[in-house]
Amino acid sequence: MSHRTHRPAPKRRRARHRLAQGLGQAAFYAASATLASGLVRELLYLVHMSVFSC
């Protein structure tokens, strides 16, 4: 019986985990970029309306 409880994970599984992590990060960045562009568009629209209403 070995004293080591943690067996090293196979490399293939680790690579898949890294790929999943990368995809999640890419999705997060895409979502935040979409949200930021939406907020900027809304802000520009509000500025445009406030300038032309004066």
PDB file of N, CA and C in Angstrom:
ATOM      1  N   MET A   1       0.855  -1.200   0.000  1.00  0.00           N
ATOM      2  CA  MET A   1       0.000   0.000   0.000  1.00  0.00           C
ATOM      3  C   MET A   1       0.887   1.246   0.000  1.00  0.00           C
ATOM      4  N   SER A   2       0.619   2.137  -0.931  1.00  0.00           N
ATOM      5  CA  SER A   2       1.454   3.338  -1.007  1.00  0.00           C
ATOM      6  C   SER A   2       0.897   4.420  -0.080  1.00  0.00           C
ATOM      7  N   HIS A   3       1.780   5.275   0.361  1.00  0.00           N
ATOM      8  CA  HIS A   3       1.361   6.346   1.253  1.00  0.00           C
ATOM      9  C   HIS A   3       0.813   7.541   0.494  1.00  0.00           C
ATOM     10  N   ARG A   4       1.061   7.562  -0.822  1.00  0.00           N
ATOM     11  CA  ARG A   4       0.599   8.690  -1.617  1.00  0.00           C
ATOM     12  C   ARG A   4      -0.885   8.533  -1.935  1.00  0.00           C
ATOM     13  N   THR A   5      -1.707   9.494  -1.540  1.00  0.00           N
ATOM     14  CA  THR A   5      -3.147   9.402  -1.789  1.00  0.00           C
ATOM     15  C   THR A   5      -3.511  10.036  -3.131  1.00  0.00           C
ATOM     16  N   HIS A   6      -2.792  11.060  -3.541  1.00  0.00           N
ATOM     17  CA  HIS A   6      -3.100  11.738  -4.799  1.00  0.00           C
ATOM     18  C   HIS A   6      -2.331  11.116  -5.960  1.00  0.00           C
ATOM     19  N   ARG A   7      -3.054  10.559  -6.893  1.00  0.00           N
ATOM     20  CA  ARG A   7      -2.407  10.057  -8.104  1.00  0.00           C
ATOM     21  C   ARG A   7      -2.351  11.177  -9.122  1.00  0.00           C
ATOM     22  N   PRO A   8      -1.250  11.355  -9.859  1.00  0.00           N
ATOM     23  CA  PRO A   8      -1.188  12.401 -10.877  1.00  0.00           C
ATOM     24  C   PRO A   8      -2.202  12.119 -11.987  1.00  0.00           C
ATOM     25  N   ALA A   9      -2.934  13.147 -12.380  1.00  0.00           N
ATOM     26  CA  ALA A   9      -3.960  12.990 -13.402  1.00  0.00           C
ATOM     27  C   ALA A   9      -3.319  12.744 -14.759  1.00  0.00           C
ATOM     28  N   PRO A  10      -3.987  11.996 -15.617  1.00  0.00           N
ATOM     29  CA  PRO A  10      -3.453  11.796 -16.978  1.00  0.00           C
ATOM     30  C   PRO A  10      -3.320  13.115 -17.721  1.00  0.00           C
ATOM     31  N   LYS A  11      -2.336  13.188 -18.605  1.00  0.00           N
ATOM     32  CA  LYS A  11      -2.061  14.440 -19.308  1.00  0.00           C
ATOM     33  C   LYS A  11      -3.213  14.860 -20.215  1.00  0.00           C
ATOM     34  N   ARG A  12      -3.884  13.859 -20.790  1.00  0.00           N
ATOM     35  CA  ARG A  12      -4.990  14.167 -21.690  1.00  0.00           C
ATOM     36  C   ARG A  12      -6.116  14.895 -20.952  1.00  0.00           C
ATOM     37  N   ARG A  13      -6.402  14.422 -19.737  1.00  0.00           N
ATOM     38  CA  ARG A  13      -7.467  15.034 -18.948  1.00  0.00           C
ATOM     39  C   ARG A  13      -7.090  16.464 -18.559  1.00  0.00           C
ATOM     40  N   ARG A  14      -5.820  16.652 -18.203  1.00  0.00           N
ATOM     41  CA  ARG A  14      -5.342  17.966 -17.798  1.00  0.00           C
ATOM     42  C   ARG A  14      -5.437  18.955 -18.971  1.00  0.00           C
ATOM     43  N   ALA A  15      -5.095  18.463 -20.170  1.00  0.00           N
ATOM     44  CA  ALA A  15      -5.156  19.317 -21.366  1.00  0.00           C
ATOM     45  C   ALA A  15      -6.609  19.712 -21.648  1.00  0.00           C
ATOM     46  N   ARG A  16      -7.517  18.754 -21.483  1.00  0.00           N
ATOM     47  CA  ARG A  16      -8.927  19.042 -21.710  1.00  0.00           C
ATOM     48  C   ARG A  16      -9.432  20.079 -20.710  1.00  0.00           C
ATOM     49  N   HIS A  17      -8.977  19.943 -19.466  1.00  0.00           N
ATOM     50  CA  HIS A  17      -9.361  20.909 -18.438  1.00  0.00           C
ATOM     51  C   HIS A  17      -8.851  22.300 -18.796  1.00  0.00           C
ATOM     52  N   ARG A  18      -7.612  22.358 -19.296  1.00  0.00           N
ATOM     53  CA  ARG A  18      -7.028  23.643 -19.680  1.00  0.00           C
ATOM     54  C   ARG A  18      -7.801  24.247 -20.854  1.00  0.00           C
ATOM     55  N   LEU A  19      -8.231  23.385 -21.786  1.00  0.00           N
ATOM     56  CA  LEU A  19      -9.010  23.831 -22.936  1.00  0.00           C
ATOM     57  C   LEU A  19     -10.359  24.367 -22.473  1.00  0.00           C
ATOM     58  N   ALA A  20     -10.995  23.650 -21.549  1.00  0.00           N
ATOM     59  CA  ALA A  20     -12.283  24.090 -21.017  1.00  0.00           C
ATOM     60  C   ALA A  20     -12.126  25.417 -20.286  1.00  0.00           C
ATOM     61  N   GLN A  21     -11.051  25.553 -19.540  1.00  0.00           N
ATOM     62  CA  GLN A  21     -10.773  26.793 -18.814  1.00  0.00           C
ATOM     63  C   GLN A  21     -10.569  27.943 -19.794  1.00  0.00           C
ATOM     64  N   GLY A  22      -9.837  27.689 -20.868  1.00  0.00           N
ATOM     65  CA  GLY A  22      -9.595  28.703 -21.891  1.00  0.00           C
ATOM     66  C   GLY A  22     -10.879  29.114 -22.584  1.00  0.00           C
ATOM     67  N   LEU A  23     -11.725  28.135 -22.878  1.00  0.00           N
ATOM     68  CA  LEU A  23     -13.010  28.430 -23.523  1.00  0.00           C
ATOM     69  C   LEU A  23     -13.902  29.242 -22.597  1.00  0.00           C
ATOM     70  N   GLY A  24     -13.895  28.900 -21.323  1.00  0.00           N
ATOM     71  CA  GLY A  24     -14.687  29.650 -20.349  1.00  0.00           C
ATOM     72  C   GLY A  24     -14.208  31.085 -20.237  1.00  0.00           C
ATOM     73  N   GLN A  25     -12.887  31.253 -20.250  1.00  0.00           N
ATOM     74  CA  GLN A  25     -12.306  32.590 -20.178  1.00  0.00           C
ATOM     75  C   GLN A  25     -12.661  33.392 -21.425  1.00  0.00           C
ATOM     76  N   ALA A  26     -12.598  32.745 -22.596  1.00  0.00           N
ATOM     77  CA  ALA A  26     -12.944  33.412 -23.856  1.00  0.00           C
ATOM     78  C   ALA A  26     -14.412  33.821 -23.856  1.00  0.00           C
ATOM     79  N   ALA A  27     -15.269  32.940 -23.352  1.00  0.00           N
ATOM     80  CA  ALA A  27     -16.702  33.242 -23.281  1.00  0.00           C
ATOM     81  C   ALA A  27     -16.961  34.411 -22.328  1.00  0.00           C
ATOM     82  N   PHE A  28     -16.230  34.424 -21.206  1.00  0.00           N
ATOM     83  CA  PHE A  28     -16.368  35.510 -20.238  1.00  0.00           C
ATOM     84  C   PHE A  28     -15.938  36.843 -20.847  1.00  0.00           C
ATOM     85  N   TYR A  29     -14.804  36.823 -21.560  1.00  0.00           N
ATOM     86  CA  TYR A  29     -14.330  38.050 -22.205  1.00  0.00           C
ATOM     87  C   TYR A  29     -15.295  38.524 -23.284  1.00  0.00           C
ATOM     88  N   ALA A  30     -15.847  37.598 -24.058  1.00  0.00           N
ATOM     89  CA  ALA A  30     -16.806  37.948 -25.108  1.00  0.00           C
ATOM     90  C   ALA A  30     -18.069  38.558 -24.492  1.00  0.00           C
ATOM     91  N   ALA A  31     -18.541  37.964 -23.403  1.00  0.00           N
ATOM     92  CA  ALA A  31     -19.735  38.473 -22.729  1.00  0.00           C
ATOM     93  C   ALA A  31     -19.490  39.862 -22.148  1.00  0.00           C
ATOM     94  N   SER A  32     -18.340  40.053 -21.520  1.00  0.00           N
ATOM     95  CA  SER A  32     -18.033  41.360 -20.928  1.00  0.00           C
ATOM     96  C   SER A  32     -17.841  42.420 -22.010  1.00  0.00           C
ATOM     97  N   ALA A  33     -17.249  42.025 -23.146  1.00  0.00           N
ATOM     98  CA  ALA A  33     -17.062  42.962 -24.254  1.00  0.00           C
ATOM     99  C   ALA A  33     -18.412  43.364 -24.842  1.00  0.00           C
ATOM    100  N   THR A  34     -19.315  42.395 -24.982  1.00  0.00           N
ATOM    101  CA  THR A  34     -20.662  42.672 -25.503  1.00  0.00           C
ATOM    102  C   THR A  34     -21.401  43.601 -24.551  1.00  0.00           C
ATOM    103  N   LEU A  35     -21.291  43.317 -23.260  1.00  0.00           N
ATOM    104  CA  LEU A  35     -21.947  44.148 -22.252  1.00  0.00           C
ATOM    105  C   LEU A  35     -21.384  45.564 -22.274  1.00  0.00           C
ATOM    106  N   ALA A  36     -20.062  45.675 -22.355  1.00  0.00           N
ATOM    107  CA  ALA A  36     -19.407  46.989 -22.378  1.00  0.00           C
ATOM    108  C   ALA A  36     -19.816  47.773 -23.616  1.00  0.00           C
ATOM    109  N   SER A  37     -19.862  47.124 -24.779  1.00  0.00           N
ATOM    110  CA  SER A  37     -20.259  47.824 -26.002  1.00  0.00           C
ATOM    111  C   SER A  37     -21.715  48.258 -25.921  1.00  0.00           C
ATOM    112  N   GLY A  38     -22.557  47.439 -25.306  1.00  0.00           N
ATOM    113  CA  GLY A  38     -23.963  47.807 -25.112  1.00  0.00           C
ATOM    114  C   GLY A  38     -24.100  49.016 -24.209  1.00  0.00           C
ATOM    115  N   LEU A  39     -23.316  49.048 -23.131  1.00  0.00           N
ATOM    116  CA  LEU A  39     -23.354  50.185 -22.208  1.00  0.00           C
ATOM    117  C   LEU A  39     -22.851  51.456 -22.883  1.00  0.00           C
ATOM    118  N   VAL A  40     -21.787  51.334 -23.670  1.00  0.00           N
ATOM    119  CA  VAL A  40     -21.227  52.488 -24.383  1.00  0.00           C
ATOM    120  C   VAL A  40     -22.241  53.015 -25.388  1.00  0.00           C
ATOM    121  N   ARG A  41     -22.910  52.112 -26.111  1.00  0.00           N
ATOM    122  CA  ARG A  41     -23.917  52.507 -27.083  1.00  0.00           C
ATOM    123  C   ARG A  41     -25.070  53.245 -26.394  1.00  0.00           C
ATOM    124  N   GLU A  42     -25.482  52.711 -25.251  1.00  0.00           N
ATOM    125  CA  GLU A  42     -26.564  53.338 -24.472  1.00  0.00           C
ATOM    126  C   GLU A  42     -26.143  54.726 -23.994  1.00  0.00           C
ATOM    127  N   LEU A  43     -24.913  54.831 -23.522  1.00  0.00           N
ATOM    128  CA  LEU A  43     -24.383  56.104 -23.035  1.00  0.00           C
ATOM    129  C   LEU A  43     -24.312  57.127 -24.167  1.00  0.00           C
ATOM    130  N   LEU A  44     -23.820  56.692 -25.323  1.00  0.00           N
ATOM    131  CA  LEU A  44     -23.748  57.591 -26.484  1.00  0.00           C
ATOM    132  C   LEU A  44     -25.146  58.030 -26.918  1.00  0.00           C
ATOM    133  N   TYR A  45     -26.095  57.121 -26.875  1.00  0.00           N
ATOM    134  CA  TYR A  45     -27.481  57.452 -27.231  1.00  0.00           C
ATOM    135  C   TYR A  45     -28.042  58.497 -26.277  1.00  0.00           C
ATOM    136  N   LEU A  46     -27.793  58.317 -24.970  1.00  0.00           N
ATOM    137  CA  LEU A  46     -28.268  59.284 -23.981  1.00  0.00           C
ATOM    138  C   LEU A  46     -27.631  60.646 -24.176  1.00  0.00           C
ATOM    139  N   VAL A  47     -26.340  60.676 -24.447  1.00  0.00           N
ATOM    140  CA  VAL A  47     -25.628  61.931 -24.693  1.00  0.00           C
ATOM    141  C   VAL A  47     -26.190  62.600 -25.947  1.00  0.00           C
ATOM    142  N   HIS A  48     -26.393  61.825 -26.986  1.00  0.00           N
ATOM    143  CA  HIS A  48     -26.944  62.330 -28.242  1.00  0.00           C
ATOM    144  C   HIS A  48     -28.314  62.966 -28.019  1.00  0.00           C
ATOM    145  N   MET A  49     -29.187  62.263 -27.269  1.00  0.00           N
ATOM    146  CA  MET A  49     -30.533  62.773 -26.990  1.00  0.00           C
ATOM    147  C   MET A  49     -30.489  64.028 -26.140  1.00  0.00           C
ATOM    148  N   SER A  50     -29.598  64.044 -25.153  1.00  0.00           N
ATOM    149  CA  SER A  50     -29.517  65.215 -24.269  1.00  0.00           C
ATOM    150  C   SER A  50     -28.952  66.417 -25.016  1.00  0.00           C
ATOM    151  N   VAL A  51     -28.037  66.201 -25.937  1.00  0.00           N
ATOM    152  CA  VAL A  51     -27.439  67.316 -26.713  1.00  0.00           C
ATOM    153  C   VAL A  51     -28.483  67.881 -27.678  1.00  0.00           C
ATOM    154  N   PHE A  52     -29.224  66.999 -28.350  1.00  0.00           N
ATOM    155  CA  PHE A  52     -30.174  67.475 -29.360  1.00  0.00           C
ATOM    156  C   PHE A  52     -31.504  67.939 -28.758  1.00  0.00           C
ATOM    157  N   SER A  53     -31.738  67.674 -27.490  1.00  0.00           N
ATOM    158  CA  SER A  53     -32.992  68.134 -26.878  1.00  0.00           C
ATOM    159  C   SER A  53     -32.855  69.572 -26.376  1.00  0.00           C
ATOM    160  N   CYS A  54     -31.633  70.051 -26.204  1.00  0.00           N
ATOM    161  CA  CYS A  54     -31.408  71.410 -25.712  1.00  0.00           C
ATOM    162  C   CYS A  54     -31.749  72.438 -26.793  1.00  0.00           C
TER     163      CYS A  54
END
